[in-house]
PDB file of N, CA and C in Angstrom:
ATOM      1  N   MET A   1      50.836  32.716   4.298  1.00  0.00           N
ATOM      2  CA  MET A   1      50.378  31.908   5.408  1.00  0.00           C
ATOM      3  C   MET A   1      49.914  32.814   6.536  1.00  0.00           C
ATOM      4  N   ASP A   2      48.862  32.389   7.220  1.00  0.00           N
ATOM      5  CA  ASP A   2      48.298  33.168   8.315  1.00  0.00           C
ATOM      6  C   ASP A   2      48.838  32.635   9.645  1.00  0.00           C
ATOM      7  N   TYR A   3      49.916  33.221  10.123  1.00  0.00           N
ATOM      8  CA  TYR A   3      50.554  32.774  11.366  1.00  0.00           C
ATOM      9  C   TYR A   3      49.649  32.982  12.578  1.00  0.00           C
ATOM     10  N   SER A   4      48.739  33.930  12.496  1.00  0.00           N
ATOM     11  CA  SER A   4      47.853  34.168  13.639  1.00  0.00           C
ATOM     12  C   SER A   4      46.954  32.963  13.900  1.00  0.00           C
ATOM     13  N   LYS A   5      46.718  32.145  12.869  1.00  0.00           N
ATOM     14  CA  LYS A   5      45.897  30.949  13.064  1.00  0.00           C
ATOM     15  C   LYS A   5      46.608  29.918  13.939  1.00  0.00           C
ATOM     16  N   ILE A   6      47.926  29.900  13.892  1.00  0.00           N
ATOM     17  CA  ILE A   6      48.665  28.989  14.766  1.00  0.00           C
ATOM     18  C   ILE A   6      48.437  29.387  16.214  1.00  0.00           C
ATOM     19  N   THR A   7      48.572  30.668  16.482  1.00  0.00           N
ATOM     20  CA  THR A   7      48.360  31.166  17.842  1.00  0.00           C
ATOM     21  C   THR A   7      46.913  30.960  18.266  1.00  0.00           C
ATOM     22  N   LEU A   8      45.986  31.215  17.369  1.00  0.00           N
ATOM     23  CA  LEU A   8      44.573  31.061  17.673  1.00  0.00           C
ATOM     24  C   LEU A   8      44.239  29.617  18.047  1.00  0.00           C
ATOM     25  N   ILE A   9      44.648  28.679  17.223  1.00  0.00           N
ATOM     26  CA  ILE A   9      44.326  27.276  17.491  1.00  0.00           C
ATOM     27  C   ILE A   9      45.053  26.793  18.748  1.00  0.00           C
ATOM     28  N   LYS A  10      46.274  27.246  18.945  1.00  0.00           N
ATOM     29  CA  LYS A  10      47.039  26.896  20.145  1.00  0.00           C
ATOM     30  C   LYS A  10      46.315  27.381  21.393  1.00  0.00           C
ATOM     31  N   ASP A  11      45.862  28.612  21.366  1.00  0.00           N
ATOM     32  CA  ASP A  11      45.183  29.186  22.523  1.00  0.00           C
ATOM     33  C   ASP A  11      43.820  28.544  22.770  1.00  0.00           C
ATOM     34  N   ARG A  12      43.080  28.319  21.704  1.00  0.00           N
ATOM     35  CA  ARG A  12      41.745  27.726  21.870  1.00  0.00           C
ATOM     36  C   ARG A  12      41.817  26.281  22.361  1.00  0.00           C
ATOM     37  N   LYS A  13      42.884  25.607  22.025  1.00  0.00           N
ATOM     38  CA  LYS A  13      43.056  24.225  22.475  1.00  0.00           C
ATOM     39  C   LYS A  13      43.837  24.167  23.797  1.00  0.00           C
ATOM     40  N   ARG A  14      44.166  25.353  24.313  1.00  0.00           N
ATOM     41  CA  ARG A  14      44.865  25.491  25.595  1.00  0.00           C
ATOM     42  C   ARG A  14      46.207  24.765  25.610  1.00  0.00           C
ATOM     43  N   ILE A  15      46.950  24.973  24.546  1.00  0.00           N
ATOM     44  CA  ILE A  15      48.303  24.437  24.435  1.00  0.00           C
ATOM     45  C   ILE A  15      49.265  25.593  24.724  1.00  0.00           C
ATOM     46  N   THR A  16      50.250  25.346  25.571  1.00  0.00           N
ATOM     47  CA  THR A  16      51.193  26.404  25.927  1.00  0.00           C
ATOM     48  C   THR A  16      52.268  26.574  24.859  1.00  0.00           C
ATOM     49  N   ARG A  17      52.966  27.697  24.909  1.00  0.00           N
ATOM     50  CA  ARG A  17      54.087  27.925  23.990  1.00  0.00           C
ATOM     51  C   ARG A  17      55.170  26.883  24.243  1.00  0.00           C
ATOM     52  N   GLU A  18      55.343  26.505  25.499  1.00  0.00           N
ATOM     53  CA  GLU A  18      56.340  25.475  25.836  1.00  0.00           C
ATOM     54  C   GLU A  18      55.994  24.145  25.171  1.00  0.00           C
ATOM     55  N   GLU A  19      54.707  23.791  25.191  1.00  0.00           N
ATOM     56  CA  GLU A  19      54.273  22.542  24.566  1.00  0.00           C
ATOM     57  C   GLU A  19      54.455  22.593  23.052  1.00  0.00           C
ATOM     58  N   MET A  20      54.165  23.743  22.465  1.00  0.00           N
ATOM     59  CA  MET A  20      54.371  23.902  21.021  1.00  0.00           C
ATOM     60  C   MET A  20      55.852  23.772  20.683  1.00  0.00           C
ATOM     61  N   ALA A  21      56.688  24.420  21.487  1.00  0.00           N
ATOM     62  CA  ALA A  21      58.132  24.351  21.253  1.00  0.00           C
ATOM     63  C   ALA A  21      58.615  22.909  21.350  1.00  0.00           C
ATOM     64  N   GLU A  22      58.121  22.183  22.340  1.00  0.00           N
ATOM     65  CA  GLU A  22      58.521  20.784  22.509  1.00  0.00           C
ATOM     66  C   GLU A  22      58.080  19.945  21.309  1.00  0.00           C
ATOM     67  N   LEU A  23      56.861  20.186  20.835  1.00  0.00           N
ATOM     68  CA  LEU A  23      56.349  19.486  19.651  1.00  0.00           C
ATOM     69  C   LEU A  23      57.285  19.673  18.461  1.00  0.00           C
ATOM     70  N   LEU A  24      57.833  20.884  18.326  1.00  0.00           N
ATOM     71  CA  LEU A  24      58.680  21.216  17.179  1.00  0.00           C
ATOM     72  C   LEU A  24      60.161  20.974  17.446  1.00  0.00           C
ATOM     73  N   GLY A  25      60.478  20.540  18.654  1.00  0.00           N
ATOM     74  CA  GLY A  25      61.871  20.247  18.972  1.00  0.00           C
ATOM     75  C   GLY A  25      62.725  21.495  19.094  1.00  0.00           C
ATOM     76  N   MET A  26      62.162  22.549  19.687  1.00  0.00           N
ATOM     77  CA  MET A  26      62.925  23.785  19.863  1.00  0.00           C
ATOM     78  C   MET A  26      62.605  24.378  21.225  1.00  0.00           C
ATOM     79  N   SER A  27      63.355  25.379  21.600  1.00  0.00           N
ATOM     80  CA  SER A  27      63.092  26.056  22.867  1.00  0.00           C
ATOM     81  C   SER A  27      61.864  26.952  22.728  1.00  0.00           C
ATOM     82  N   LYS A  28      61.330  27.374  23.878  1.00  0.00           N
ATOM     83  CA  LYS A  28      60.193  28.298  23.862  1.00  0.00           C
ATOM     84  C   LYS A  28      60.586  29.585  23.141  1.00  0.00           C
ATOM     85  N   TYR A  29      61.814  30.030  23.371  1.00  0.00           N
ATOM     86  CA  TYR A  29      62.281  31.267  22.734  1.00  0.00           C
ATOM     87  C   TYR A  29      62.446  31.080  21.227  1.00  0.00           C
ATOM     88  N   GLY A  30      62.922  29.903  20.839  1.00  0.00           N
ATOM     89  CA  GLY A  30      63.035  29.597  19.413  1.00  0.00           C
ATOM     90  C   GLY A  30      61.677  29.570  18.750  1.00  0.00           C
ATOM     91  N   TYR A  31      60.702  28.990  19.449  1.00  0.00           N
ATOM     92  CA  TYR A  31      59.330  28.945  18.929  1.00  0.00           C
ATOM     93  C   TYR A  31      58.785  30.362  18.777  1.00  0.00           C
ATOM     94  N   ASP A  32      58.937  31.164  19.828  1.00  0.00           N
ATOM     95  CA  ASP A  32      58.450  32.549  19.784  1.00  0.00           C
ATOM     96  C   ASP A  32      59.071  33.321  18.615  1.00  0.00           C
ATOM     97  N   LYS A  33      60.367  33.150  18.443  1.00  0.00           N
ATOM     98  CA  LYS A  33      61.076  33.854  17.369  1.00  0.00           C
ATOM     99  C   LYS A  33      60.577  33.389  15.996  1.00  0.00           C
ATOM    100  N   THR A  34      60.360  32.095  15.872  1.00  0.00           N
ATOM    101  CA  THR A  34      59.874  31.539  14.607  1.00  0.00           C
ATOM    102  C   THR A  34      58.510  32.114  14.243  1.00  0.00           C
ATOM    103  N   ILE A  35      57.621  32.189  15.223  1.00  0.00           N
ATOM    104  CA  ILE A  35      56.279  32.731  14.970  1.00  0.00           C
ATOM    105  C   ILE A  35      56.364  34.235  14.704  1.00  0.00           C
ATOM    106  N   ARG A  36      57.135  34.936  15.507  1.00  0.00           N
ATOM    107  CA  ARG A  36      57.260  36.396  15.354  1.00  0.00           C
ATOM    108  C   ARG A  36      57.853  36.765  13.989  1.00  0.00           C
ATOM    109  N   ASN A  37      58.883  36.043  13.572  1.00  0.00           N
ATOM    110  CA  ASN A  37      59.556  36.337  12.303  1.00  0.00           C
ATOM    111  C   ASN A  37      58.925  35.624  11.109  1.00  0.00           C
ATOM    112  N   GLN A  38      57.929  34.817  11.394  1.00  0.00           N
ATOM    113  CA  GLN A  38      57.219  34.059  10.357  1.00  0.00           C
ATOM    114  C   GLN A  38      58.182  33.238   9.500  1.00  0.00           C
ATOM    115  N   THR A  39      58.961  32.413  10.185  1.00  0.00           N
ATOM    116  CA  THR A  39      59.972  31.595   9.499  1.00  0.00           C
ATOM    117  C   THR A  39      59.766  30.105   9.757  1.00  0.00           C
ATOM    118  N   LEU A  40      58.539  29.686   9.861  1.00  0.00           N
ATOM    119  CA  LEU A  40      58.224  28.286  10.126  1.00  0.00           C
ATOM    120  C   LEU A  40      58.555  27.429   8.908  1.00  0.00           C
ATOM    121  N   THR A  41      59.204  26.294   9.128  1.00  0.00           N
ATOM    122  CA  THR A  41      59.510  25.384   8.016  1.00  0.00           C
ATOM    123  C   THR A  41      58.269  24.571   7.650  1.00  0.00           C
ATOM    124  N   VAL A  42      58.275  24.043   6.458  1.00  0.00           N
ATOM    125  CA  VAL A  42      57.164  23.203   6.002  1.00  0.00           C
ATOM    126  C   VAL A  42      57.038  21.992   6.917  1.00  0.00           C
ATOM    127  N   LYS A  43      58.162  21.413   7.286  1.00  0.00           N
ATOM    128  CA  LYS A  43      58.160  20.237   8.162  1.00  0.00           C
ATOM    129  C   LYS A  43      57.473  20.549   9.490  1.00  0.00           C
ATOM    130  N   ASN A  44      57.788  21.695  10.073  1.00  0.00           N
ATOM    131  CA  ASN A  44      57.175  22.055  11.344  1.00  0.00           C
ATOM    132  C   ASN A  44      55.701  22.424  11.176  1.00  0.00           C
ATOM    133  N   LEU A  45      55.366  23.039  10.062  1.00  0.00           N
ATOM    134  CA  LEU A  45      53.960  23.334   9.796  1.00  0.00           C
ATOM    135  C   LEU A  45      53.168  22.027   9.687  1.00  0.00           C
ATOM    136  N   GLU A  46      53.736  21.039   9.045  1.00  0.00           N
ATOM    137  CA  GLU A  46      53.084  19.733   8.936  1.00  0.00           C
ATOM    138  C   GLU A  46      52.903  19.098  10.313  1.00  0.00           C
ATOM    139  N   LYS A  47      53.909  19.260  11.192  1.00  0.00           N
ATOM    140  CA  LYS A  47      53.801  18.732  12.554  1.00  0.00           C
ATOM    141  C   LYS A  47      52.651  19.402  13.305  1.00  0.00           C
ATOM    142  N   ILE A  48      52.551  20.715  13.149  1.00  0.00           N
ATOM    143  CA  ILE A  48      51.493  21.463  13.830  1.00  0.00           C
ATOM    144  C   ILE A  48      50.124  21.032  13.305  1.00  0.00           C
ATOM    145  N   ALA A  49      49.998  20.934  12.003  1.00  0.00           N
ATOM    146  CA  ALA A  49      48.725  20.526  11.398  1.00  0.00           C
ATOM    147  C   ALA A  49      48.329  19.130  11.878  1.00  0.00           C
ATOM    148  N   ALA A  50      49.277  18.220  11.908  1.00  0.00           N
ATOM    149  CA  ALA A  50      48.991  16.854  12.360  1.00  0.00           C
ATOM    150  C   ALA A  50      48.590  16.848  13.833  1.00  0.00           C
ATOM    151  N   PHE A  51      49.293  17.630  14.632  1.00  0.00           N
ATOM    152  CA  PHE A  51      49.010  17.689  16.061  1.00  0.00           C
ATOM    153  C   PHE A  51      47.577  18.171  16.319  1.00  0.00           C
ATOM    154  N   PHE A  52      47.163  19.210  15.593  1.00  0.00           N
ATOM    155  CA  PHE A  52      45.826  19.763  15.788  1.00  0.00           C
ATOM    156  C   PHE A  52      44.776  19.112  14.900  1.00  0.00           C
ATOM    157  N   GLN A  53      45.189  18.147  14.104  1.00  0.00           N
ATOM    158  CA  GLN A  53      44.295  17.391  13.223  1.00  0.00           C
ATOM    159  C   GLN A  53      43.521  18.311  12.278  1.00  0.00           C
ATOM    160  N   VAL A  54      44.266  19.206  11.643  1.00  0.00           N
ATOM    161  CA  VAL A  54      43.703  20.079  10.605  1.00  0.00           C
ATOM    162  C   VAL A  54      44.581  19.945   9.370  1.00  0.00           C
ATOM    163  N   PRO A  55      44.032  20.190   8.183  1.00  0.00           N
ATOM    164  CA  PRO A  55      44.878  20.149   6.988  1.00  0.00           C
ATOM    165  C   PRO A  55      45.856  21.330   6.994  1.00  0.00           C
ATOM    166  N   VAL A  56      47.006  21.148   6.383  1.00  0.00           N
ATOM    167  CA  VAL A  56      48.001  22.219   6.287  1.00  0.00           C
ATOM    168  C   VAL A  56      47.370  23.466   5.662  1.00  0.00           C
ATOM    169  N   GLY A  57      46.492  23.274   4.702  1.00  0.00           N
ATOM    170  CA  GLY A  57      45.839  24.386   4.028  1.00  0.00           C
ATOM    171  C   GLY A  57      45.030  25.272   4.960  1.00  0.00           C
ATOM    172  N   TYR A  58      44.653  24.749   6.116  1.00  0.00           N
ATOM    173  CA  TYR A  58      43.919  25.536   7.096  1.00  0.00           C
ATOM    174  C   TYR A  58      44.669  26.825   7.431  1.00  0.00           C
ATOM    175  N   PHE A  59      45.989  26.738   7.503  1.00  0.00           N
ATOM    176  CA  PHE A  59      46.806  27.889   7.888  1.00  0.00           C
ATOM    177  C   PHE A  59      46.988  28.887   6.736  1.00  0.00           C
ATOM    178  N   PHE A  60      46.512  28.531   5.567  1.00  0.00           N
ATOM    179  CA  PHE A  60      46.586  29.429   4.414  1.00  0.00           C
ATOM    180  C   PHE A  60      45.222  30.027   4.074  1.00  0.00           C
ATOM    181  N   ASP A  61      44.180  29.544   4.742  1.00  0.00           N
ATOM    182  CA  ASP A  61      42.828  30.040   4.518  1.00  0.00           C
ATOM    183  C   ASP A  61      42.712  31.428   5.134  1.00  0.00           C
ATOM    184  N   GLU A  62      42.254  32.369   4.350  1.00  0.00           N
ATOM    185  CA  GLU A  62      42.175  33.758   4.814  1.00  0.00           C
ATOM    186  C   GLU A  62      40.817  34.105   5.410  1.00  0.00           C
ATOM    187  N   THR A  63      40.036  33.104   5.758  1.00  0.00           N
ATOM    188  CA  THR A  63      38.745  33.331   6.386  1.00  0.00           C
ATOM    189  C   THR A  63      38.946  34.082   7.694  1.00  0.00           C
ATOM    190  N   ASP A  64      38.011  34.947   8.019  1.00  0.00           N
ATOM    191  CA  ASP A  64      38.087  35.691   9.280  1.00  0.00           C
ATOM    192  C   ASP A  64      37.972  34.703  10.438  1.00  0.00           C
ATOM    193  N   HIS A  65      39.071  34.469  11.118  1.00  0.00           N
ATOM    194  CA  HIS A  65      39.094  33.483  12.185  1.00  0.00           C
ATOM    195  C   HIS A  65      38.752  34.066  13.545  1.00  0.00           C
ATOM    196  N   ASN A  66      38.361  35.324  13.621  1.00  0.00           N
ATOM    197  CA  ASN A  66      37.937  35.886  14.896  1.00  0.00           C
ATOM    198  C   ASN A  66      36.514  35.458  15.233  1.00  0.00           C
ATOM    199  N   ARG A  67      35.806  34.988  14.225  1.00  0.00           N
ATOM    200  CA  ARG A  67      34.466  34.476  14.479  1.00  0.00           C
ATOM    201  C   ARG A  67      34.572  32.972  14.720  1.00  0.00           C
ATOM    202  N   HIS A  68      33.456  32.318  14.859  1.00  0.00           N
ATOM    203  CA  HIS A  68      33.440  30.865  15.079  1.00  0.00           C
ATOM    204  C   HIS A  68      34.182  30.146  13.962  1.00  0.00           C
ATOM    205  N   ASP A  69      35.040  29.239  14.323  1.00  0.00           N
ATOM    206  CA  ASP A  69      35.818  28.462  13.357  1.00  0.00           C
ATOM    207  C   ASP A  69      35.553  26.989  13.609  1.00  0.00           C
ATOM    208  N   PRO A  70      34.717  26.341  12.780  1.00  0.00           N
ATOM    209  CA  PRO A  70      34.364  24.945  13.041  1.00  0.00           C
ATOM    210  C   PRO A  70      35.545  23.998  13.018  1.00  0.00           C
ATOM    211  N   MET A  71      36.658  24.388  12.398  1.00  0.00           N
ATOM    212  CA  MET A  71      37.836  23.522  12.391  1.00  0.00           C
ATOM    213  C   MET A  71      38.390  23.337  13.796  1.00  0.00           C
ATOM    214  N   ILE A  72      38.303  24.382  14.593  1.00  0.00           N
ATOM    215  CA  ILE A  72      38.892  24.278  15.926  1.00  0.00           C
ATOM    216  C   ILE A  72      37.877  24.414  17.045  1.00  0.00           C
ATOM    217  N   ASP A  73      36.659  24.799  16.735  1.00  0.00           N
ATOM    218  CA  ASP A  73      35.617  24.928  17.741  1.00  0.00           C
ATOM    219  C   ASP A  73      34.511  23.908  17.515  1.00  0.00           C
ATOM    220  N   SER A  74      34.851  22.716  17.141  1.00  0.00           N
ATOM    221  CA  SER A  74      33.840  21.744  16.741  1.00  0.00           C
ATOM    222  C   SER A  74      32.847  21.447  17.851  1.00  0.00           C
ATOM    223  N   TYR A  75      33.253  21.642  19.072  1.00  0.00           N
ATOM    224  CA  TYR A  75      32.351  21.341  20.173  1.00  0.00           C
ATOM    225  C   TYR A  75      31.185  22.326  20.252  1.00  0.00           C
ATOM    226  N   THR A  76      31.264  23.458  19.575  1.00  0.00           N
ATOM    227  CA  THR A  76      30.170  24.426  19.590  1.00  0.00           C
ATOM    228  C   THR A  76      29.465  24.519  18.239  1.00  0.00           C
ATOM    229  N   CYS A  77      29.907  23.789  17.291  1.00  0.00           N
ATOM    230  CA  CYS A  77      29.376  23.898  15.939  1.00  0.00           C
ATOM    231  C   CYS A  77      28.010  23.218  15.844  1.00  0.00           C
ATOM    232  N   LYS A  78      26.970  23.980  15.458  1.00  0.00           N
ATOM    233  CA  LYS A  78      25.628  23.420  15.338  1.00  0.00           C
ATOM    234  C   LYS A  78      25.599  22.309  14.304  1.00  0.00           C
ATOM    235  N   GLU A  79      26.276  22.500  13.203  1.00  0.00           N
ATOM    236  CA  GLU A  79      26.316  21.495  12.148  1.00  0.00           C
ATOM    237  C   GLU A  79      26.961  20.213  12.676  1.00  0.00           C
ATOM    238  N   CYS A  80      28.022  20.370  13.454  1.00  0.00           N
ATOM    239  CA  CYS A  80      28.697  19.208  14.041  1.00  0.00           C
ATOM    240  C   CYS A  80      27.774  18.492  15.009  1.00  0.00           C
ATOM    241  N   SER A  81      27.028  19.247  15.807  1.00  0.00           N
ATOM    242  CA  SER A  81      26.092  18.645  16.764  1.00  0.00           C
ATOM    243  C   SER A  81      25.055  17.808  16.039  1.00  0.00           C
ATOM    244  N   LYS A  82      24.602  18.305  14.898  1.00  0.00           N
ATOM    245  CA  LYS A  82      23.622  17.556  14.105  1.00  0.00           C
ATOM    246  C   LYS A  82      24.216  16.221  13.682  1.00  0.00           C
ATOM    247  N   TYR A  83      25.440  16.248  13.221  1.00  0.00           N
ATOM    248  CA  TYR A  83      26.080  15.009  12.786  1.00  0.00           C
ATOM    249  C   TYR A  83      26.389  14.091  13.960  1.00  0.00           C
ATOM    250  N   GLU A  84      26.748  14.669  15.102  1.00  0.00           N
ATOM    251  CA  GLU A  84      27.005  13.842  16.275  1.00  0.00           C
ATOM    252  C   GLU A  84      25.749  13.078  16.664  1.00  0.00           C
ATOM    253  N   GLY A  85      24.584  13.738  16.594  1.00  0.00           N
ATOM    254  CA  GLY A  85      23.316  13.069  16.886  1.00  0.00           C
ATOM    255  C   GLY A  85      23.040  11.950  15.900  1.00  0.00           C
ATOM    256  N   MET A  86      23.317  12.205  14.634  1.00  0.00           N
ATOM    257  CA  MET A  86      23.111  11.184  13.608  1.00  0.00           C
ATOM    258  C   MET A  86      24.050   9.995  13.843  1.00  0.00           C
ATOM    259  N   ILE A  87      25.276  10.293  14.217  1.00  0.00           N
ATOM    260  CA  ILE A  87      26.255   9.232  14.478  1.00  0.00           C
ATOM    261  C   ILE A  87      25.789   8.360  15.634  1.00  0.00           C
ATOM    262  N   GLU A  88      25.296   8.992  16.706  1.00  0.00           N
ATOM    263  CA  GLU A  88      24.799   8.219  17.851  1.00  0.00           C
ATOM    264  C   GLU A  88      23.631   7.334  17.446  1.00  0.00           C
ATOM    265  N   LEU A  89      22.723   7.864  16.647  1.00  0.00           N
ATOM    266  CA  LEU A  89      21.588   7.083  16.172  1.00  0.00           C
ATOM    267  C   LEU A  89      22.063   5.892  15.337  1.00  0.00           C
ATOM    268  N   LEU A  90      23.016   6.129  14.450  1.00  0.00           N
ATOM    269  CA  LEU A  90      23.549   5.044  13.621  1.00  0.00           C
ATOM    270  C   LEU A  90      24.268   3.993  14.454  1.00  0.00           C
ATOM    271  N   LYS A  91      24.984   4.429  15.483  1.00  0.00           N
ATOM    272  CA  LYS A  91      25.650   3.470  16.378  1.00  0.00           C
ATOM    273  C   LYS A  91      24.619   2.582  17.064  1.00  0.00           C
ATOM    274  N   GLU A  92      23.534   3.197  17.518  1.00  0.00           N
ATOM    275  CA  GLU A  92      22.477   2.439  18.177  1.00  0.00           C
ATOM    276  C   GLU A  92      21.846   1.440  17.206  1.00  0.00           C
ATOM    277  N   GLN A  93      21.577   1.883  15.977  1.00  0.00           N
ATOM    278  CA  GLN A  93      21.002   0.989  14.975  1.00  0.00           C
ATOM    279  C   GLN A  93      21.962  -0.159  14.655  1.00  0.00           C
ATOM    280  N   LEU A  94      23.242   0.145  14.584  1.00  0.00           N
ATOM    281  CA  LEU A  94      24.243  -0.891  14.323  1.00  0.00           C
ATOM    282  C   LEU A  94      24.271  -1.926  15.442  1.00  0.00           C
ATOM    283  N   MET A  95      24.211  -1.450  16.684  1.00  0.00           N
ATOM    284  CA  MET A  95      24.201  -2.386  17.819  1.00  0.00           C
ATOM    285  C   MET A  95      22.954  -3.272  17.764  1.00  0.00           C
ATOM    286  N   ASN A  96      21.812  -2.695  17.406  1.00  0.00           N
ATOM    287  CA  ASN A  96      20.585  -3.490  17.278  1.00  0.00           C
ATOM    288  C   ASN A  96      20.729  -4.536  16.181  1.00  0.00           C
ATOM    289  N   CYS A  97      21.326  -4.162  15.065  1.00  0.00           N
ATOM    290  CA  CYS A  97      21.554  -5.121  13.970  1.00  0.00           C
ATOM    291  C   CYS A  97      22.503  -6.228  14.412  1.00  0.00           C
ATOM    292  N   GLU A  98      23.550  -5.875  15.128  1.00  0.00           N
ATOM    293  CA  GLU A  98      24.501  -6.885  15.600  1.00  0.00           C
ATOM    294  C   GLU A  98      23.832  -7.856  16.566  1.00  0.00           C
ATOM    295  N   ARG A  99      22.970  -7.325  17.453  1.00  0.00           N
ATOM    296  CA  ARG A  99      22.238  -8.206  18.376  1.00  0.00           C
ATOM    297  C   ARG A  99      21.323  -9.153  17.616  1.00  0.00           C
ATOM    298  N   ARG A 100      20.668  -8.631  16.595  1.00  0.00           N
ATOM    299  CA  ARG A 100      19.753  -9.459  15.792  1.00  0.00           C
ATOM    300  C   ARG A 100      20.526 -10.543  15.041  1.00  0.00           C
ATOM    301  N   ILE A 101      21.682 -10.184  14.522  1.00  0.00           N
ATOM    302  CA  ILE A 101      22.526 -11.174  13.829  1.00  0.00           C
ATOM    303  C   ILE A 101      22.945 -12.275  14.799  1.00  0.00           C
ATOM    304  N   GLU A 102      23.342 -11.893  16.001  1.00  0.00           N
ATOM    305  CA  GLU A 102      23.725 -12.896  17.008  1.00  0.00           C
ATOM    306  C   GLU A 102      22.552 -13.812  17.326  1.00  0.00           C
ATOM    307  N   GLN A 103      21.361 -13.221  17.485  1.00  0.00           N
ATOM    308  CA  GLN A 103      20.166 -14.004  17.785  1.00  0.00           C
ATOM    309  C   GLN A 103      19.869 -14.990  16.652  1.00  0.00           C
ATOM    310  N   LEU A 104      19.908 -14.499  15.420  1.00  0.00           N
ATOM    311  CA  LEU A 104      19.648 -15.371  14.271  1.00  0.00           C
ATOM    312  C   LEU A 104      20.713 -16.452  14.140  1.00  0.00           C
ATOM    313  N   SER A 105      21.933 -16.110  14.440  1.00  0.00           N
ATOM    314  CA  SER A 105      23.018 -17.082  14.381  1.00  0.00           C
ATOM    315  C   SER A 105      22.803 -18.197  15.403  1.00  0.00           C
ATOM    316  N   ARG A 106      22.372 -17.819  16.611  1.00  0.00           N
ATOM    317  CA  ARG A 106      22.083 -18.840  17.637  1.00  0.00           C
ATOM    318  C   ARG A 106      20.927 -19.729  17.199  1.00  0.00           C
ATOM    319  N   GLU A 107      19.877 -19.110  16.647  1.00  0.00           N
ATOM    320  CA  GLU A 107      18.716 -19.881  16.179  1.00  0.00           C
ATOM    321  C   GLU A 107      19.123 -20.845  15.071  1.00  0.00           C
ATOM    322  N   LEU A 108      19.929 -20.356  14.149  1.00  0.00           N
ATOM    323  CA  LEU A 108      20.380 -21.206  13.050  1.00  0.00           C
ATOM    324  C   LEU A 108      21.229 -22.361  13.583  1.00  0.00           C
ATOM    325  N   GLY A 109      22.091 -22.054  14.526  1.00  0.00           N
ATOM    326  CA  GLY A 109      22.922 -23.101  15.126  1.00  0.00           C
ATOM    327  C   GLY A 109      22.082 -24.147  15.832  1.00  0.00           C
ATOM    328  N   ALA A 110      21.047 -23.698  16.531  1.00  0.00           N
ATOM    329  CA  ALA A 110      20.159 -24.632  17.229  1.00  0.00           C
ATOM    330  C   ALA A 110      19.404 -25.496  16.227  1.00  0.00           C
ATOM    331  N   LYS A 111      18.912 -24.891  15.146  1.00  0.00           N
ATOM    332  CA  LYS A 111      18.174 -25.654  14.126  1.00  0.00           C
ATOM    333  C   LYS A 111      19.099 -26.649  13.426  1.00  0.00           C
ATOM    334  N   THR A 112      20.336 -26.228  13.166  1.00  0.00           N
ATOM    335  CA  THR A 112      21.303 -27.118  12.520  1.00  0.00           C
ATOM    336  C   THR A 112      21.616 -28.299  13.430  1.00  0.00           C
ATOM    337  N   ALA A 113      21.795 -28.027  14.711  1.00  0.00           N
ATOM    338  CA  ALA A 113      22.077 -29.104  15.667  1.00  0.00           C
ATOM    339  C   ALA A 113      20.890 -30.057  15.759  1.00  0.00           C
ATOM    340  N   GLU A 114      19.679 -29.494  15.788  1.00  0.00           N
ATOM    341  CA  GLU A 114      18.465 -30.316  15.856  1.00  0.00           C
ATOM    342  C   GLU A 114      18.346 -31.189  14.617  1.00  0.00           C
ATOM    343  N   LYS A 115      18.649 -30.624  13.451  1.00  0.00           N
ATOM    344  CA  LYS A 115      18.567 -31.357  12.185  1.00  0.00           C
ATOM    345  C   LYS A 115      19.598 -32.489  12.186  1.00  0.00           C
ATOM    346  N   ASN A 116      20.800 -32.212  12.701  1.00  0.00           N
ATOM    347  CA  ASN A 116      21.851 -33.228  12.747  1.00  0.00           C
ATOM    348  C   ASN A 116      21.459 -34.378  13.683  1.00  0.00           C
ATOM    349  N   ILE A 117      20.776 -34.074  14.771  1.00  0.00           N
ATOM    350  CA  ILE A 117      20.351 -35.114  15.716  1.00  0.00           C
ATOM    351  C   ILE A 117      19.301 -35.993  15.047  1.00  0.00           C
ATOM    352  N   LYS A 118      18.361 -35.379  14.307  1.00  0.00           N
ATOM    353  CA  LYS A 118      17.307 -36.153  13.622  1.00  0.00           C
ATOM    354  C   LYS A 118      17.901 -37.026  12.526  1.00  0.00           C
ATOM    355  N   SER A 119      18.968 -36.521  11.876  1.00  0.00           N
ATOM    356  CA  SER A 119      19.587 -37.263  10.781  1.00  0.00           C
ATOM    357  C   SER A 119      20.393 -38.454  11.301  1.00  0.00           C
ATOM    358  N   ALA A 120      20.838 -38.386  12.510  1.00  0.00           N
ATOM    359  CA  ALA A 120      21.705 -39.441  13.051  1.00  0.00           C
ATOM    360  C   ALA A 120      20.963 -40.632  13.519  1.00  0.00           C
TER     361      ALA A 120
END
């Protein structure tokens, strides 16, 4: 396991050692000792992964994390920006479709009411 990735993601997300210790239910000194001695339990690793919204396997990936890491730097990732633009476009298209459905529903309701009046 790459313990330096815990420190890296913690620092990049601006989480303090105190906050990490609180997340794991231990003192700051206990947290420091755990990281220094590399004695993190699976349960605590799962808590950390869930907190940072990364898979547990992220901490076992030996990729050079000193360079850009899209797992934790998504706000700078060009690929992510491309998808964010696509998502915004799809949201806009969805809203347009929903408006059109509402319009058609009103028209259908009006025609149904008109038909019922003629039938009566």
